[in-house]
Protein backbone atom coordinates (compact mmCIF):
# COMPACT_ATOMS: atom_id res chain seq x y z
CA MET A 1 122.59 -200.19 48.93
CA ALA A 2 119.36 -198.23 49.31
CA GLU A 3 116.29 -199.45 47.42
CA ILE A 4 114.60 -197.06 44.98
CA LYS A 5 111.52 -196.85 47.22
CA GLU A 6 113.67 -195.53 50.06
CA ILE A 7 115.01 -192.80 47.76
CA LEU A 8 111.83 -191.83 45.88
CA GLY A 9 109.17 -192.91 48.36
CA PHE A 10 107.58 -195.23 45.78
CA ASN A 11 108.47 -198.17 43.52
CA ILE A 12 108.69 -197.97 39.71
CA LYS A 13 106.61 -200.69 38.07
CA SER A 14 107.92 -202.83 35.24
CA LEU A 15 105.23 -203.25 32.58
CA ALA A 16 105.27 -205.37 29.43
CA ALA A 17 103.39 -202.65 27.50
CA ASP A 18 102.47 -199.01 27.88
CA PRO A 19 99.28 -198.52 29.93
CA LEU A 20 96.18 -197.50 28.01
CA GLY A 21 94.78 -194.01 28.10
CA ALA A 22 91.44 -193.79 29.89
CA GLY A 23 88.34 -193.44 27.73
CA THR A 24 87.45 -194.19 24.12
CA ALA A 25 89.35 -191.12 22.89
CA ASN A 26 92.61 -192.80 23.89
CA GLY A 27 91.89 -196.20 22.32
CA THR A 28 94.43 -197.84 20.00
CA TRP A 29 94.37 -199.90 16.79
CA ALA A 30 96.05 -203.29 16.22
CA SER A 31 96.12 -205.74 13.29
CA GLY A 32 93.57 -208.55 13.22
CA GLY A 33 93.11 -211.59 10.97
CA ASN A 34 92.68 -211.00 7.24
CA LEU A 35 89.42 -211.74 5.44
CA ASN A 36 89.54 -214.81 3.20
CA GLN A 37 88.28 -212.71 0.28
CA ILE A 38 89.29 -209.12 -0.41
CA LYS A 39 86.24 -206.88 -0.47
CA GLY A 40 85.21 -203.25 -0.46
CA ARG A 41 81.86 -201.67 0.43
CA PRO A 42 80.34 -204.82 1.99
CA GLY A 43 77.35 -205.20 4.28
CA PHE A 44 78.07 -205.98 7.91
CA ALA A 45 76.60 -206.86 11.30
CA SER A 46 78.02 -207.38 14.78
CA ASN A 47 77.12 -207.89 18.41
CA ALA A 48 77.63 -204.39 19.84
CA THR A 49 77.58 -205.73 23.43
CA SER A 50 80.23 -208.41 22.84
CA THR A 51 83.37 -208.36 25.02
CA THR A 52 85.52 -209.52 22.08
CA HIS A 53 86.04 -208.41 18.47
CA VAL A 54 83.44 -210.32 16.41
CA ALA A 55 81.72 -209.50 13.13
CA LEU A 56 79.74 -210.74 10.14
CA VAL A 57 80.67 -209.31 6.72
CA TYR A 58 78.84 -210.05 3.46
CA GLY A 59 78.75 -208.95 -0.16
CA GLY A 60 81.05 -206.23 -1.48
CA ASN A 61 83.46 -205.60 -4.36
CA THR A 62 86.30 -207.98 -5.10
CA PRO A 63 86.34 -205.82 -7.42
CA GLY A 64 83.41 -207.70 -9.04
CA LYS A 65 80.25 -208.03 -6.95
CA THR A 66 80.38 -210.94 -4.51
CA ALA A 67 77.84 -212.99 -2.52
CA ASN A 68 80.50 -214.16 -0.06
CA THR A 69 79.73 -214.18 3.71
CA GLU A 70 82.40 -214.39 6.43
CA GLN A 71 82.33 -214.40 10.23
CA TYR A 72 85.11 -213.24 12.59
CA ASP A 73 85.70 -214.91 15.96
CA GLY A 74 88.31 -212.51 17.34
CA SER A 75 91.29 -213.98 15.49
CA SER A 76 90.25 -215.44 12.12
CA TRP A 77 87.51 -215.34 9.48
CA THR A 78 85.38 -218.33 8.42
CA GLU A 79 83.40 -218.48 5.16
CA LEU A 80 79.69 -219.23 5.55
CA ALA A 81 76.67 -219.55 3.20
CA ASN A 82 76.50 -217.03 0.34
CA LEU A 83 73.91 -214.33 -0.26
CA ASN A 84 71.27 -215.05 -2.92
CA THR A 85 72.08 -211.79 -4.75
CA ALA A 86 75.71 -210.73 -5.23
CA ARG A 87 76.05 -206.96 -4.56
CA ASN A 88 77.86 -204.29 -2.63
CA GLY A 89 76.57 -201.66 -0.22
CA TYR A 90 76.46 -200.59 3.42
CA GLY A 91 72.83 -201.73 3.86
CA GLY A 92 73.51 -204.26 6.63
CA SER A 93 71.85 -204.55 10.05
CA GLY A 94 71.40 -206.91 12.99
CA THR A 95 73.68 -209.42 14.72
CA LEU A 96 75.86 -212.45 13.92
CA THR A 97 72.83 -214.76 14.05
CA ALA A 98 70.05 -212.39 12.91
CA ALA A 99 71.29 -210.05 10.19
CA GLY A 100 69.72 -208.20 7.27
CA TYR A 101 71.03 -206.84 3.96
CA ALA A 102 69.04 -204.21 2.01
CA GLY A 103 69.55 -202.58 -1.37
CA GLY A 104 72.97 -202.10 -2.93
CA GLU A 105 74.62 -202.24 -6.32
CA ILE A 106 74.27 -205.28 -8.58
CA PRO A 107 76.46 -206.11 -11.62
CA SER A 108 73.88 -205.37 -14.35
CA ASN A 109 71.88 -202.35 -15.47
CA PRO A 110 70.03 -200.57 -13.78
CA TYR A 111 72.59 -201.48 -11.06
CA ASN A 112 70.33 -200.42 -8.15
CA THR A 113 68.54 -203.23 -6.32
CA ASP A 114 65.62 -203.31 -3.89
CA ALA A 115 66.54 -206.81 -2.64
CA PHE A 116 66.34 -207.55 1.10
CA GLU A 117 67.70 -210.74 2.62
CA LEU A 118 67.61 -212.15 6.15
CA TRP A 119 70.36 -214.21 7.84
CA ASP A 120 69.41 -216.76 10.52
CA GLY A 121 72.90 -217.83 11.53
CA SER A 122 73.29 -220.45 8.80
CA SER A 123 71.67 -219.22 5.56
CA TRP A 124 70.20 -216.21 3.73
CA SER A 125 66.56 -215.99 2.60
CA GLU A 126 64.89 -213.40 0.36
CA THR A 127 61.99 -211.43 1.83
CA THR A 128 59.99 -208.21 1.24
CA GLU A 129 61.94 -205.67 -0.82
CA ILE A 130 62.61 -202.08 0.21
CA ASN A 131 60.29 -199.55 -1.46
CA THR A 132 62.98 -197.69 -3.43
CA ALA A 133 65.86 -199.53 -5.11
CA ARG A 134 69.17 -197.76 -4.52
CA ARG A 135 72.87 -198.24 -4.12
CA SER A 136 75.50 -196.63 -1.84
CA ILE A 137 72.90 -196.97 0.90
CA VAL A 138 73.37 -197.08 4.71
CA GLY A 139 71.62 -199.62 6.93
CA PHE A 140 71.54 -200.27 10.66
CA GLY A 141 69.41 -201.80 13.39
CA ALA A 142 69.73 -203.94 16.52
CA THR A 143 68.06 -206.96 14.88
CA ASN A 144 66.85 -208.07 11.45
CA THR A 145 63.24 -207.51 12.57
CA ALA A 146 63.81 -203.81 13.33
CA SER A 147 66.05 -202.16 10.73
CA LEU A 148 66.49 -198.82 8.97
CA VAL A 149 67.95 -197.83 5.59
CA ALA A 150 68.79 -194.27 4.63
CA SER A 151 70.30 -192.08 1.91
CA GLY A 152 71.79 -193.75 -1.18
CA TYR A 153 71.77 -193.20 -4.94
CA VAL A 154 68.54 -193.63 -6.93
CA SER A 155 69.03 -191.55 -10.08
CA ALA A 156 70.66 -188.89 -7.92
CA ALA A 157 71.61 -188.56 -4.26
CA SER A 158 68.67 -189.47 -2.02
CA LYS A 159 67.22 -188.25 1.31
CA LEU A 160 64.92 -191.28 1.69
CA THR A 161 64.59 -193.23 4.94
CA GLU A 162 62.75 -196.55 5.32
CA VAL A 163 62.05 -198.64 8.44
CA TRP A 164 61.53 -202.43 8.57
CA ASN A 165 59.21 -203.87 11.27
CA GLY A 166 59.82 -207.54 10.54
CA SER A 167 57.22 -207.84 7.79
CA SER A 168 57.17 -204.62 5.72
CA TRP A 169 59.08 -201.43 4.88
CA THR A 170 57.64 -197.97 5.55
CA GLU A 171 58.98 -194.64 4.32
CA VAL A 172 59.55 -192.22 7.20
CA GLY A 173 61.19 -188.79 7.64
CA ASP A 174 63.73 -187.70 5.03
CA GLN A 175 67.23 -186.54 5.89
CA ASN A 176 67.97 -182.82 5.57
CA ALA A 177 70.77 -183.34 3.04
CA ALA A 178 70.59 -185.65 0.01
CA LYS A 179 73.76 -187.79 0.05
CA TYR A 180 75.13 -191.18 -0.83
CA GLY A 181 78.30 -192.94 0.30
CA ARG A 182 77.63 -192.09 3.95
CA GLY A 183 78.68 -193.85 7.14
CA GLY A 184 76.17 -194.59 9.85
CA THR A 185 75.03 -196.72 12.76
CA GLY A 186 72.27 -197.05 15.36
CA THR A 187 68.77 -198.42 15.80
CA VAL A 188 65.33 -197.59 14.40
CA THR A 189 64.88 -195.08 17.26
CA ALA A 190 68.38 -193.57 17.59
CA GLY A 191 70.76 -193.33 14.62
CA ILE A 192 73.51 -191.22 13.11
CA LEU A 193 74.69 -190.55 9.53
CA PHE A 194 77.93 -188.77 8.62
CA GLY A 195 80.03 -187.77 5.64
CA GLY A 196 79.05 -188.75 2.11
CA THR A 197 79.23 -187.31 -1.34
CA ASP A 198 80.82 -183.97 -2.26
CA PRO A 199 82.69 -185.16 -0.03
CA THR A 200 81.15 -183.61 3.06
CA THR A 201 81.48 -183.23 6.83
CA ASN A 202 77.69 -183.25 7.27
CA THR A 203 76.30 -185.16 10.27
CA GLU A 204 72.64 -185.91 11.08
CA THR A 205 71.04 -187.76 14.01
CA TRP A 206 67.76 -189.71 14.03
CA ASN A 207 65.35 -189.83 16.99
CA GLY A 208 62.87 -192.34 15.58
CA THR A 209 60.81 -189.63 13.87
CA ALA A 210 63.04 -186.98 12.28
CA TRP A 211 66.63 -186.19 11.30
CA THR A 212 68.49 -183.22 12.81
CA GLU A 213 71.72 -181.68 11.54
CA VAL A 214 74.34 -181.54 14.29
CA SER A 215 78.02 -180.67 14.66
CA GLU A 216 80.04 -181.64 11.59
CA LEU A 217 83.01 -183.96 11.19
CA ASN A 218 86.40 -182.29 11.30
CA THR A 219 87.49 -184.04 8.08
CA LYS A 220 85.19 -184.56 5.11
CA GLY A 221 84.93 -188.02 3.61
CA GLU A 222 82.88 -190.57 1.68
CA TYR A 223 82.30 -194.24 2.56
CA ARG A 224 83.56 -193.92 6.13
CA ALA A 225 83.15 -197.02 8.30
CA ALA A 226 81.20 -196.81 11.59
CA SER A 227 81.65 -198.66 14.90
CA GLY A 228 79.40 -197.94 17.86
CA THR A 229 76.02 -196.36 18.54
CA ALA A 230 74.32 -193.03 17.88
CA ALA A 231 75.58 -191.85 21.29
CA GLU A 232 79.24 -192.77 20.71
CA VAL A 233 80.62 -193.82 17.35
CA LEU A 234 83.92 -194.07 15.48
CA ALA A 235 84.08 -192.70 11.91
CA VAL A 236 86.94 -194.59 10.27
CA GLY A 237 88.83 -193.97 7.03
CA GLY A 238 87.13 -192.41 4.01
CA TYR A 239 87.57 -191.45 0.38
CA GLN A 240 90.25 -191.02 -0.86
CA ALA A 241 92.10 -193.56 1.24
CA THR A 242 92.52 -191.69 4.52
CA ALA A 243 93.63 -193.20 7.84
CA ASN A 244 91.66 -190.56 9.76
CA VAL A 245 89.50 -191.65 12.72
CA GLU A 246 87.05 -189.41 14.57
CA LEU A 247 85.02 -190.05 17.73
CA TRP A 248 81.46 -188.73 18.19
CA ASN A 249 80.54 -188.26 21.87
CA GLY A 250 76.92 -187.27 21.35
CA SER A 251 77.61 -183.59 20.69
CA ALA A 252 80.92 -183.14 18.83
CA TRP A 253 83.60 -184.96 16.82
CA THR A 254 87.20 -185.35 18.01
CA GLU A 255 90.09 -186.75 15.98
CA ILE A 256 91.72 -189.75 17.69
CA ASN A 257 94.35 -192.38 16.82
CA ASN A 258 94.48 -193.29 13.12
CA ILE A 259 94.20 -196.74 11.56
CA SER A 260 97.42 -198.19 10.10
CA THR A 261 96.08 -198.86 6.60
CA ALA A 262 94.40 -195.87 4.95
CA ARG A 263 91.20 -196.93 3.15
CA TRP A 264 87.59 -196.20 2.30
CA GLU A 265 84.62 -198.58 1.82
CA GLY A 266 85.66 -200.73 4.81
CA ALA A 267 83.20 -202.65 7.00
CA GLY A 268 82.85 -200.98 10.40
CA THR A 269 81.55 -203.24 13.18
CA GLY A 270 81.45 -203.58 16.94
CA SER A 271 81.17 -200.96 19.65
CA SER A 272 83.08 -197.70 20.07
CA SER A 273 85.34 -199.38 22.64
CA LEU A 274 85.77 -202.67 20.73
CA GLY A 275 85.49 -201.60 17.10
CA MET A 276 86.75 -203.05 13.83
CA ILE A 277 87.37 -202.11 10.23
CA SER A 278 87.64 -204.94 7.71
CA GLY A 279 88.36 -204.85 4.00
CA GLY A 280 87.92 -201.67 2.00
CA ASN A 281 89.67 -199.90 -0.84
CA THR A 282 93.26 -198.68 -0.39
CA PRO A 283 93.24 -198.93 -3.54
CA PRO A 284 93.10 -201.77 -4.56
CA ASN A 285 90.60 -203.62 -2.37
CA THR A 286 92.11 -205.19 0.73
CA ALA A 287 91.45 -208.08 3.12
CA ALA A 288 93.13 -206.33 6.07
CA THR A 289 91.36 -206.12 9.45
CA GLU A 290 92.21 -203.72 12.25
CA GLU A 291 90.81 -203.90 15.79
CA PHE A 292 90.17 -200.87 18.02
CA THR A 293 90.45 -201.27 21.78
CA ALA A 294 89.67 -198.70 24.43
CA ALA A 295 90.69 -199.17 28.05
CA THR A 296 88.31 -201.03 30.35
CA ILE A 297 88.22 -201.31 34.14
CA ALA A 298 90.48 -204.37 33.98
CA ASP A 299 93.26 -202.63 32.04
CA SER A 300 96.30 -200.76 33.30
CA ILE A 301 95.21 -197.12 32.93
CA LYS A 302 97.62 -194.33 32.16
CA SER A 303 97.49 -191.56 34.77
CA GLU A 304 99.23 -188.20 34.92
CA GLY A 305 102.56 -188.33 36.74
CA GLN A 306 102.87 -192.13 36.44
CA ILE A 307 106.48 -193.40 36.10
CA TYR A 308 107.11 -196.91 34.83
CA TYR A 309 109.67 -199.09 33.01
CA ASN A 310 108.56 -200.75 29.75
CA SER A 311 110.38 -204.10 29.75
CA ALA A 312 109.45 -204.81 26.11
CA ASP A 313 111.29 -201.85 24.61
CA GLY A 314 113.63 -200.98 27.50
CA THR A 315 112.40 -197.41 28.08
CA MET A 316 111.70 -195.42 31.22
CA ASN A 317 108.49 -193.42 30.80
CA ILE A 318 106.47 -190.74 32.51
CA SER A 319 102.83 -190.01 31.69
CA ALA A 320 102.12 -186.31 31.49
CA VAL A 321 99.38 -184.25 29.89
CA VAL A 322 100.97 -181.47 27.86
CA ASP A 323 98.26 -179.16 26.54
CA GLY A 324 98.53 -178.23 22.89
CA THR A 325 99.24 -174.59 22.09
CA GLY A 326 96.79 -173.11 19.62
CA ALA A 327 98.00 -171.01 16.70
CA TRP A 328 96.68 -169.29 13.59
CA ALA A 329 97.95 -170.21 10.12
CA SER A 330 97.17 -168.71 6.74
CA GLY A 331 94.52 -170.38 4.60
CA ALA A 332 93.61 -169.88 0.95
CA ASN A 333 92.35 -166.47 -0.13
CA LEU A 334 88.71 -165.90 -0.97
CA ASN A 335 87.95 -165.13 -4.61
CA SER A 336 86.15 -161.89 -3.67
CA ALA A 337 86.54 -159.36 -0.87
CA HIS A 338 84.00 -160.04 1.91
CA SER A 339 84.09 -157.14 4.38
CA GLU A 340 81.55 -155.60 6.77
CA LYS A 341 80.40 -158.75 8.54
CA PRO A 342 79.67 -161.42 5.91
CA GLY A 343 77.73 -164.53 6.92
CA GLY A 344 79.42 -167.88 7.46
CA ALA A 345 78.65 -171.49 8.43
CA GLY A 346 80.50 -174.79 8.78
CA THR A 347 83.83 -175.97 10.10
CA GLN A 348 87.49 -175.11 9.63
CA ASN A 349 87.84 -177.19 6.48
CA ALA A 350 84.25 -177.13 5.18
CA SER A 351 82.85 -173.63 5.38
CA LEU A 352 80.78 -170.98 3.60
CA CYS A 353 81.35 -167.21 3.42
CA PHE A 354 78.52 -165.15 1.89
CA GLY A 355 77.53 -161.54 1.51
CA GLY A 356 79.58 -158.57 2.70
CA SER A 357 80.19 -155.00 1.58
CA SER A 358 78.81 -153.50 -0.44
CA HIS A 359 75.54 -155.47 -0.51
CA LEU A 360 77.42 -158.44 -1.95
CA GLN A 361 75.50 -161.48 -3.24
CA THR A 362 78.59 -163.69 -3.65
CA ASN A 363 78.72 -167.02 -1.77
CA GLU A 364 81.92 -169.09 -1.54
CA ALA A 365 82.60 -172.61 -0.23
CA TYR A 366 85.90 -173.70 1.41
CA ASN A 367 87.14 -177.30 1.34
CA GLY A 368 90.23 -176.79 3.51
CA THR A 369 92.39 -176.02 0.47
CA ALA A 370 90.60 -173.53 -1.77
CA TRP A 371 87.50 -171.34 -2.04
CA THR A 372 84.99 -171.93 -4.86
CA GLU A 373 82.17 -169.58 -5.82
CA VAL A 374 78.80 -171.31 -5.51
CA GLY A 375 75.19 -170.06 -5.74
CA ASP A 376 74.69 -166.36 -5.01
CA LEU A 377 72.29 -164.92 -2.47
CA ASN A 378 69.04 -163.61 -3.98
CA THR A 379 69.39 -160.37 -2.01
CA GLY A 380 72.87 -158.90 -1.64
CA ARG A 381 73.63 -157.69 1.86
CA HIS A 382 76.27 -157.00 4.48
CA ARG A 383 76.24 -156.78 8.31
CA LEU A 384 74.12 -159.95 8.33
CA ALA A 385 74.01 -163.03 10.57
CA ALA A 386 73.98 -166.75 9.76
CA ALA A 387 72.96 -170.11 11.21
CA LYS A 388 76.64 -170.69 12.04
CA ASN A 389 76.28 -174.32 13.10
CA GLY A 390 74.89 -175.03 9.65
CA THR A 391 76.88 -176.74 6.95
CA THR A 392 78.13 -176.14 3.43
CA THR A 393 74.84 -177.69 2.28
CA ALA A 394 72.35 -176.18 4.75
CA THR A 395 72.32 -172.79 6.51
CA LEU A 396 70.47 -169.48 6.80
CA ALA A 397 71.37 -165.89 5.83
CA ILE A 398 69.55 -163.72 8.40
CA GLY A 399 68.73 -160.01 8.23
CA GLY A 400 71.45 -157.47 7.49
CA GLU A 401 71.71 -154.26 5.49
CA VAL A 402 70.35 -154.18 1.92
CA PRO A 403 70.29 -151.50 -0.80
CA PRO A 404 69.97 -148.59 -0.48
CA ASN A 405 71.33 -148.94 3.13
CA SER A 406 68.26 -150.13 5.03
CA ASP A 407 67.74 -152.86 7.62
CA THR A 408 65.96 -155.99 6.40
CA VAL A 409 63.74 -158.79 7.74
CA ASN A 410 64.73 -160.99 4.79
CA VAL A 411 65.93 -164.55 5.49
CA GLU A 412 67.25 -167.02 2.90
CA SER A 413 67.88 -170.78 3.20
CA TRP A 414 70.78 -172.57 1.44
CA ASP A 415 70.35 -176.20 0.29
CA GLY A 416 73.83 -176.82 -1.08
CA SER A 417 73.15 -175.45 -4.55
CA SER A 418 70.85 -172.42 -4.28
CA TRP A 419 69.25 -169.93 -1.89
CA SER A 420 65.49 -169.71 -1.33
CA GLU A 421 63.62 -166.96 0.49
CA VAL A 422 61.86 -168.27 3.59
CA ASN A 423 59.70 -166.58 6.25
CA ASN A 424 61.01 -163.22 7.45
CA LEU A 425 62.19 -162.08 10.84
CA ASN A 426 59.61 -160.14 12.82
CA THR A 427 62.03 -157.24 13.39
CA ALA A 428 64.30 -155.81 10.67
CA ARG A 429 67.90 -155.33 11.81
CA ARG A 430 71.58 -155.50 10.98
CA LEU A 431 74.73 -156.25 13.00
CA LEU A 432 72.82 -158.98 14.87
CA GLY A 433 74.03 -162.30 16.26
CA ALA A 434 72.73 -165.76 15.41
CA ALA A 435 73.37 -169.45 16.14
CA GLY A 436 72.02 -172.83 15.10
CA THR A 437 71.17 -174.66 11.90
CA SER A 438 68.84 -174.28 8.92
CA THR A 439 66.04 -175.98 10.90
CA SER A 440 66.72 -174.76 14.45
CA ALA A 441 68.19 -171.28 14.92
CA ILE A 442 68.04 -168.14 17.02
CA GLY A 443 68.72 -164.53 15.94
CA PHE A 444 69.30 -161.87 18.59
CA ALA A 445 70.21 -158.24 19.31
CA GLY A 446 71.41 -155.97 16.48
CA THR A 447 70.60 -152.41 15.49
CA THR A 448 67.27 -150.99 14.29
CA ALA A 449 65.82 -147.52 13.91
CA HIS A 450 64.47 -147.82 17.46
CA PRO A 451 64.34 -147.84 20.45
CA SER A 452 67.41 -145.69 21.15
CA ALA A 453 69.62 -143.18 19.39
CA ASN A 454 72.08 -145.94 18.46
CA GLY A 455 69.27 -148.34 17.55
CA GLU A 456 70.55 -151.23 19.68
CA THR A 457 67.97 -153.88 20.52
CA ALA A 458 67.68 -156.85 22.90
CA ILE A 459 65.07 -158.71 20.82
CA ALA A 460 65.60 -162.44 20.23
CA GLU A 461 63.71 -164.65 17.76
CA GLU A 462 63.69 -168.46 17.36
CA TRP A 463 63.42 -170.31 14.03
CA ASN A 464 61.79 -173.77 13.99
CA GLY A 465 62.42 -174.48 10.31
CA THR A 466 59.21 -172.74 9.25
CA ALA A 467 58.67 -169.47 11.14
CA TRP A 468 60.28 -166.96 13.54
CA THR A 469 58.88 -166.46 17.05
CA GLU A 470 59.94 -163.76 19.51
CA VAL A 471 61.37 -165.20 22.73
CA GLY A 472 63.05 -163.73 25.82
CA ASP A 473 65.08 -160.55 25.35
CA LEU A 474 68.77 -160.29 26.18
CA ASN A 475 69.61 -158.49 29.42
CA THR A 476 71.85 -156.05 27.53
CA ALA A 477 70.68 -154.55 24.22
CA ARG A 478 73.58 -154.27 21.77
CA PHE A 479 74.80 -154.53 18.19
CA GLY A 480 78.06 -155.63 16.55
CA LEU A 481 78.23 -158.66 18.84
CA ALA A 482 79.77 -162.08 18.20
CA SER A 483 77.82 -165.31 18.57
CA ALA A 484 78.20 -169.07 18.98
CA GLY A 485 75.88 -172.02 19.56
CA VAL A 486 74.46 -175.22 18.10
CA ASN A 487 70.68 -174.63 17.83
CA ALA A 488 67.67 -172.55 18.92
CA GLU A 489 68.08 -173.80 22.49
CA SER A 490 71.77 -173.01 23.02
CA ALA A 491 73.64 -169.80 22.16
CA LEU A 492 76.19 -167.24 23.35
CA ALA A 493 75.93 -163.47 22.82
CA ILE A 494 79.49 -162.14 23.08
CA SER A 495 80.56 -158.55 23.74
CA GLY A 496 79.38 -155.86 21.27
CA ASN A 497 78.35 -152.21 21.35
CA THR A 498 75.65 -150.46 23.40
CA GLY A 499 76.76 -147.01 22.31
CA SER A 500 80.05 -147.90 23.94
CA ILE A 501 81.93 -151.19 23.67
CA VAL A 502 81.05 -153.79 26.35
CA ALA A 503 82.61 -157.08 27.51
CA VAL A 504 79.28 -158.63 28.56
CA VAL A 505 78.57 -162.25 27.57
CA GLU A 506 75.14 -163.89 27.87
CA LYS A 507 74.08 -167.52 27.51
CA TRP A 508 70.70 -168.69 26.11
CA ASP A 509 69.32 -172.02 27.44
CA GLY A 510 66.11 -172.18 25.40
CA SER A 511 64.04 -170.12 27.83
CA SER A 512 66.09 -167.20 29.15
CA TRP A 513 69.38 -165.31 28.90
CA THR A 514 71.91 -165.42 31.76
CA GLU A 515 75.03 -163.30 32.13
CA VAL A 516 78.16 -165.46 32.31
CA GLY A 517 81.89 -164.68 32.38
CA ASP A 518 82.88 -161.48 30.55
CA VAL A 519 85.51 -161.49 27.83
CA ASN A 520 88.80 -160.00 28.98
CA THR A 521 88.59 -157.18 26.43
CA GLY A 522 85.35 -155.89 24.92
CA ARG A 523 85.22 -155.70 21.14
CA ASP A 524 82.80 -154.45 18.50
CA GLY A 525 82.71 -156.53 15.29
CA ARG A 526 84.41 -159.56 16.82
CA ALA A 527 84.06 -162.94 15.06
CA ALA A 528 83.44 -166.18 16.96
CA ALA A 529 83.04 -169.94 16.54
CA GLY A 530 81.97 -172.88 18.68
CA THR A 531 79.36 -173.74 21.29
CA THR A 532 78.19 -172.51 24.70
CA THR A 533 80.87 -174.67 26.37
CA SER A 534 83.72 -174.47 23.85
CA ALA A 535 84.03 -171.20 21.92
CA LEU A 536 86.65 -168.93 20.37
CA GLY A 537 86.35 -165.15 19.88
CA PHE A 538 88.80 -163.31 17.60
CA GLY A 539 89.52 -159.93 16.05
CA GLY A 540 87.20 -156.96 16.51
CA TYR A 541 87.45 -153.20 17.02
CA ASN A 542 88.48 -151.35 20.23
CA PRO A 543 89.62 -148.89 18.92
CA GLY A 544 91.08 -149.92 15.59
CA ASN A 545 91.26 -153.48 14.21
CA THR A 546 92.71 -156.05 16.63
CA VAL A 547 94.44 -159.45 16.59
CA ASN A 548 93.11 -160.47 20.01
CA THR A 549 91.91 -164.08 20.41
CA GLU A 550 90.16 -165.48 23.49
CA THR A 551 89.01 -169.04 24.24
CA TRP A 552 85.93 -170.00 26.30
CA ASP A 553 85.73 -173.25 28.32
CA GLY A 554 82.14 -172.87 29.54
CA SER A 555 83.01 -170.72 32.55
CA SER A 556 85.75 -168.20 31.69
CA TRP A 557 87.69 -166.58 28.84
CA THR A 558 91.46 -166.90 28.38
CA GLU A 559 93.61 -164.89 25.99
CA VAL A 560 95.54 -167.11 23.56
CA ALA A 561 97.65 -166.69 20.43
CA ASN A 562 96.78 -163.69 18.26
CA LEU A 563 95.61 -163.55 14.65
CA SER A 564 98.36 -162.76 12.16
CA THR A 565 96.41 -159.81 10.73
CA ALA A 566 94.33 -157.37 12.76
CA THR A 567 90.71 -157.37 11.56
CA ASN A 568 87.10 -156.75 12.51
CA SER A 569 83.70 -157.67 11.08
CA ALA A 570 84.97 -160.98 9.66
CA SER A 571 83.14 -164.30 9.33
CA GLY A 572 83.93 -166.83 12.06
CA THR A 573 83.11 -170.54 11.70
CA GLY A 574 84.00 -173.77 13.50
CA GLY A 575 82.44 -176.29 15.87
CA ASN A 576 84.56 -175.65 18.98
CA ASN A 577 87.57 -173.77 20.40
CA LEU A 578 90.05 -176.26 18.90
CA LEU A 579 89.41 -175.73 15.16
CA ALA A 580 88.10 -172.45 13.71
CA LEU A 581 88.20 -170.30 10.59
CA ASN A 582 88.41 -166.49 10.19
CA SER A 583 87.35 -165.29 6.72
CA GLY A 584 87.22 -161.83 5.18
CA GLY A 585 86.67 -158.78 7.37
CA ASN A 586 87.56 -155.11 7.28
CA ALA A 587 91.34 -155.39 6.88
CA ASP A 588 92.46 -158.45 4.91
CA THR A 589 89.13 -158.54 3.08
CA ASP A 590 89.82 -161.71 1.09
CA GLY A 591 92.14 -163.36 3.63
CA THR A 592 91.58 -166.56 5.60
CA GLU A 593 93.23 -167.77 8.79
CA GLU A 594 92.84 -171.24 10.35
CA TRP A 595 92.98 -171.81 14.13
CA THR A 596 94.24 -175.21 15.35
CA VAL A 597 94.96 -176.56 18.83
CA PRO A 598 97.17 -179.69 18.59
CA GLN A 599 96.14 -182.81 20.46
CA PRO A 600 97.94 -183.26 23.80
CA VAL A 601 101.07 -185.41 24.16
CA GLN A 602 100.50 -187.98 26.90
CA ASN A 603 103.55 -190.25 27.02
CA LEU A 604 107.13 -188.97 27.35
CA VAL A 605 110.15 -191.28 27.12
CA MET A 606 112.69 -190.40 29.82
CA SER A 607 115.51 -192.67 28.66
CA ASP A 608 116.35 -195.60 26.42
């Protein structure tokens, strides 16, 4: 009888387990040993370069405050010497043999503590306190002689950051958003904070001097655990008891495989390829540990087209990448009609929509379920632009048309509760494009009284958090364009109107504009979301309102599934071409549609 290799030209391997997907994004979770004591919101430290799952966890809620310390060796936990001050909080830093624990919540009034303790591998000792006592704090650092603490609750949410040099604490640059209950990791020169109270999707990175708001989480959450570094980190769980896990790759968040036990207030330790979550609140508090493992060079790696037999479960399998098909779905209606190009910022499930016709001041916040009216603009306007990569707590409303139908230079900054007028644009205009955040943005093109009959302009201006500066002009002057981009150094100008509708797309790299791949169909009043390498354009006018949607991969545009309702001059928000939000516009003026591309399926069972 012929062997299978003679028939197929290759053998089918028999494997005891499915091969692992390449890369951290395809890592998987498995149960580890339980803590000896249940605990939520503890401090923690780990050896990020270890080749096994190891961790040190201390303090926390049991639900009472505990001084307990435990160490994990890859299979079980061992109790070690207690802290001097029982408390909870995420203010841990360092390694298994050189850890620190700063701040936190103690059992008695005023509840906040400024205590700081050092671990030498066998015992804890009290040392110089942090400058500001607070709870719900975040701490990180490579050693207990170089640590950082940030955010927290003093008498309200805090922006404070302090750095420890081995002998004293120094206050350094504040975060942009005041939060507590955040997740975070890193060193004194490169850190990241995410999530926190509201709850929020806000993310900020630290460069040793200042914090910068960057692309937001896909799912909002408080008390999310962190495993990894500022360059690549896992955000795990979150309030209220979610199993969600997201991976930060240095520029954007991606949802990956969930943990088995939904929880918040867990201890996140280890690297992004060998991470852990221990304890937390399910509720009630738990002792459960889960270990994350991403494929390494020694593992059997899943590859497209691979056929194998899994001897453990008796299935024949083929590995294939099946791309998800994006689609639009209805979201909750806005409370007010927002037509004629309102401003917008945020992500699919954490977004703002503000302004609109006629000279509307109304500002609304979306949490993925419903819209809520929040602080109004000081100056009502429509046909404006926004710092689209901003957040629900920090963005800009830029230019537009104000009463009695005149172009404006006015710019306002949103801090999560109210708008403040900041320095004006140099050139008044409406129907302009913009990209970036409340501290790093660019506004470009639009229509003015000059220089042509239609008033289209190519002028671009950069915002550094304080003032606007004119930079290089676009190659094609236009108005009614769509825009995408993360900051003042990275933006797309998409399609628009020069007196006639054009399909031209230009990319800004911080110094000049370059024409890149045209959209398939030019539109005036199109909305857009994303970055210079991952964007989505939708709706628009040519002629009449359209449902057209196109996706950008950094080099070309592809037509994908249409909007349900034809529209133009809507607000478009979202961090990439996988998740986006269309709000308001000139047809369904209070309608919302959500764009989602499902994650790919990578393992198909052929038989059982």
